[in-house]
Amino acid sequence: MIYPLVLELAADGIPVAVTCRVLRFSKQAFYAWKAAPVSQRDWDDAMLRRNRPAGSAPSQPS
């Protein structure tokens, strides 16, 4: 994901608006990500993978 790069560049003094314009995405999308960087679905999926017994593979749809 590119949004963490925007945070790093902002910390170095490069305006968010400039970075977003150069990378061709909206400031609104960046600020929405910043407000909630991980969606609930992504979080749930990560927790499922983390709690899966060692050596087990994810199930595949039939």
N, C-alpha and C. Protein backbone atom coordinates (compact mmCIF):
# COMPACT_ATOMS: atom_id res chain seq x y z
N MET A 1 0.84 -1.17 0.00
CA MET A 1 0.00 0.00 0.00
C MET A 1 0.89 1.24 0.00
N ILE A 2 0.47 2.27 -0.67
CA ILE A 2 1.27 3.46 -0.86
C ILE A 2 1.05 4.51 0.21
N TYR A 3 -0.04 4.41 0.96
CA TYR A 3 -0.36 5.47 1.94
C TYR A 3 0.69 5.64 3.03
N PRO A 4 1.33 4.59 3.54
CA PRO A 4 2.39 4.82 4.53
C PRO A 4 3.53 5.69 3.97
N LEU A 5 3.79 5.59 2.69
CA LEU A 5 4.81 6.45 2.07
C LEU A 5 4.42 7.91 2.20
N VAL A 6 3.15 8.21 2.03
CA VAL A 6 2.68 9.59 2.16
C VAL A 6 2.96 10.09 3.57
N LEU A 7 2.73 9.25 4.57
CA LEU A 7 3.03 9.64 5.96
C LEU A 7 4.51 9.92 6.15
N GLU A 8 5.35 9.07 5.59
CA GLU A 8 6.79 9.26 5.72
C GLU A 8 7.24 10.56 5.05
N LEU A 9 6.73 10.81 3.86
CA LEU A 9 7.10 12.03 3.15
C LEU A 9 6.59 13.27 3.87
N ALA A 10 5.40 13.18 4.46
CA ALA A 10 4.86 14.30 5.23
C ALA A 10 5.74 14.59 6.44
N ALA A 11 6.25 13.54 7.06
CA ALA A 11 7.15 13.72 8.21
C ALA A 11 8.45 14.41 7.77
N ASP A 12 8.82 14.22 6.51
CA ASP A 12 10.03 14.87 5.97
C ASP A 12 9.74 16.28 5.43
N GLY A 13 8.48 16.71 5.56
CA GLY A 13 8.13 18.07 5.17
C GLY A 13 7.49 18.23 3.80
N ILE A 14 7.23 17.13 3.12
CA ILE A 14 6.58 17.21 1.80
C ILE A 14 5.07 17.21 2.02
N PRO A 15 4.38 18.22 1.52
CA PRO A 15 2.93 18.31 1.75
C PRO A 15 2.16 17.11 1.20
N VAL A 16 1.15 16.71 1.95
CA VAL A 16 0.31 15.58 1.55
C VAL A 16 -0.32 15.86 0.19
N ALA A 17 -0.77 17.08 -0.03
CA ALA A 17 -1.42 17.42 -1.30
C ALA A 17 -0.49 17.19 -2.49
N VAL A 18 0.77 17.56 -2.32
CA VAL A 18 1.75 17.38 -3.40
C VAL A 18 1.99 15.90 -3.66
N THR A 19 2.20 15.14 -2.60
CA THR A 19 2.45 13.71 -2.74
C THR A 19 1.27 13.01 -3.42
N CYS A 20 0.06 13.34 -2.97
CA CYS A 20 -1.12 12.71 -3.56
C CYS A 20 -1.26 13.07 -5.04
N ARG A 21 -0.98 14.32 -5.37
CA ARG A 21 -1.08 14.74 -6.78
C ARG A 21 -0.06 13.98 -7.63
N VAL A 22 1.17 13.85 -7.14
CA VAL A 22 2.22 13.16 -7.90
C VAL A 22 1.89 11.68 -8.06
N LEU A 23 1.36 11.07 -6.99
CA LEU A 23 1.04 9.64 -7.04
C LEU A 23 -0.33 9.35 -7.64
N ARG A 24 -1.06 10.41 -7.97
CA ARG A 24 -2.34 10.33 -8.66
C ARG A 24 -3.44 9.61 -7.87
N PHE A 25 -3.59 10.01 -6.62
CA PHE A 25 -4.78 9.60 -5.89
C PHE A 25 -5.25 10.77 -5.05
N SER A 26 -6.47 10.68 -4.56
CA SER A 26 -7.07 11.82 -3.87
C SER A 26 -6.58 11.95 -2.43
N LYS A 27 -6.56 13.19 -1.97
CA LYS A 27 -6.24 13.43 -0.57
C LYS A 27 -7.31 12.78 0.31
N GLN A 28 -8.56 12.79 -0.16
CA GLN A 28 -9.64 12.21 0.62
C GLN A 28 -9.39 10.73 0.88
N ALA A 29 -8.89 10.02 -0.14
CA ALA A 29 -8.61 8.59 0.03
C ALA A 29 -7.50 8.39 1.07
N PHE A 30 -6.49 9.23 1.02
CA PHE A 30 -5.41 9.13 2.01
C PHE A 30 -5.93 9.38 3.41
N TYR A 31 -6.70 10.45 3.58
CA TYR A 31 -7.20 10.77 4.92
C TYR A 31 -8.20 9.73 5.42
N ALA A 32 -8.95 9.11 4.52
CA ALA A 32 -9.85 8.02 4.93
C ALA A 32 -9.03 6.84 5.43
N TRP A 33 -7.95 6.52 4.72
CA TRP A 33 -7.07 5.44 5.18
C TRP A 33 -6.44 5.79 6.52
N LYS A 34 -6.02 7.03 6.66
CA LYS A 34 -5.37 7.46 7.89
C LYS A 34 -6.31 7.34 9.09
N ALA A 35 -7.59 7.62 8.87
CA ALA A 35 -8.58 7.51 9.94
C ALA A 35 -8.82 6.06 10.34
N ALA A 36 -8.73 5.14 9.39
CA ALA A 36 -8.93 3.71 9.64
C ALA A 36 -8.00 2.93 8.73
N PRO A 37 -6.70 2.82 9.07
CA PRO A 37 -5.73 2.22 8.16
C PRO A 37 -5.97 0.74 7.83
N VAL A 38 -6.69 0.03 8.69
CA VAL A 38 -6.97 -1.38 8.43
C VAL A 38 -8.47 -1.58 8.50
N SER A 39 -9.03 -2.12 7.44
CA SER A 39 -10.47 -2.37 7.45
C SER A 39 -10.79 -3.52 8.42
N GLN A 40 -12.01 -3.55 8.87
CA GLN A 40 -12.42 -4.62 9.78
C GLN A 40 -12.24 -5.99 9.12
N ARG A 41 -12.53 -6.08 7.85
CA ARG A 41 -12.39 -7.36 7.14
C ARG A 41 -10.92 -7.78 7.09
N ASP A 42 -10.02 -6.85 6.79
CA ASP A 42 -8.59 -7.17 6.77
C ASP A 42 -8.12 -7.61 8.15
N TRP A 43 -8.59 -6.93 9.19
CA TRP A 43 -8.22 -7.28 10.56
C TRP A 43 -8.71 -8.69 10.90
N ASP A 44 -9.97 -8.98 10.57
CA ASP A 44 -10.53 -10.31 10.85
C ASP A 44 -9.76 -11.39 10.11
N ASP A 45 -9.44 -11.16 8.84
CA ASP A 45 -8.68 -12.14 8.07
C ASP A 45 -7.30 -12.38 8.68
N ALA A 46 -6.66 -11.31 9.12
CA ALA A 46 -5.33 -11.45 9.74
C ALA A 46 -5.43 -12.26 11.04
N MET A 47 -6.46 -12.02 11.81
CA MET A 47 -6.62 -12.77 13.07
C MET A 47 -6.91 -14.25 12.80
N LEU A 48 -7.68 -14.52 11.76
CA LEU A 48 -7.95 -15.92 11.40
C LEU A 48 -6.66 -16.63 10.99
N ARG A 49 -5.85 -15.96 10.17
CA ARG A 49 -4.58 -16.56 9.75
C ARG A 49 -3.65 -16.75 10.94
N ARG A 50 -3.63 -15.79 11.82
CA ARG A 50 -2.74 -15.84 12.99
C ARG A 50 -3.13 -16.99 13.92
N ASN A 51 -4.41 -17.23 14.06
CA ASN A 51 -4.90 -18.24 15.00
C ASN A 51 -5.04 -19.62 14.39
N ARG A 52 -4.72 -19.76 13.13
CA ARG A 52 -4.80 -21.06 12.45
C ARG A 52 -3.71 -21.98 13.01
N PRO A 53 -4.03 -23.24 13.26
CA PRO A 53 -3.00 -24.16 13.74
C PRO A 53 -1.82 -24.26 12.75
N ALA A 54 -0.63 -24.43 13.28
CA ALA A 54 0.55 -24.53 12.46
C ALA A 54 0.44 -25.70 11.50
N GLY A 55 0.84 -25.47 10.27
CA GLY A 55 0.84 -26.53 9.27
C GLY A 55 -0.47 -26.70 8.54
N SER A 56 -1.51 -26.02 8.98
CA SER A 56 -2.80 -26.18 8.27
C SER A 56 -2.86 -25.16 7.15
N ALA A 57 -3.46 -25.57 6.09
CA ALA A 57 -3.62 -24.71 4.92
C ALA A 57 -5.00 -24.11 4.91
N PRO A 58 -5.16 -22.92 4.33
CA PRO A 58 -6.50 -22.35 4.23
C PRO A 58 -7.38 -23.23 3.34
N SER A 59 -8.65 -23.31 3.66
CA SER A 59 -9.55 -24.14 2.86
C SER A 59 -9.81 -23.47 1.53
N GLN A 60 -9.96 -24.27 0.51
CA GLN A 60 -10.23 -23.79 -0.83
C GLN A 60 -11.70 -24.03 -1.15
N PRO A 61 -12.34 -23.09 -1.82
CA PRO A 61 -13.75 -23.30 -2.20
C PRO A 61 -13.86 -24.47 -3.18
N SER A 62 -14.94 -25.20 -3.08
CA SER A 62 -15.17 -26.36 -3.94
C SER A 62 -15.72 -25.95 -5.28
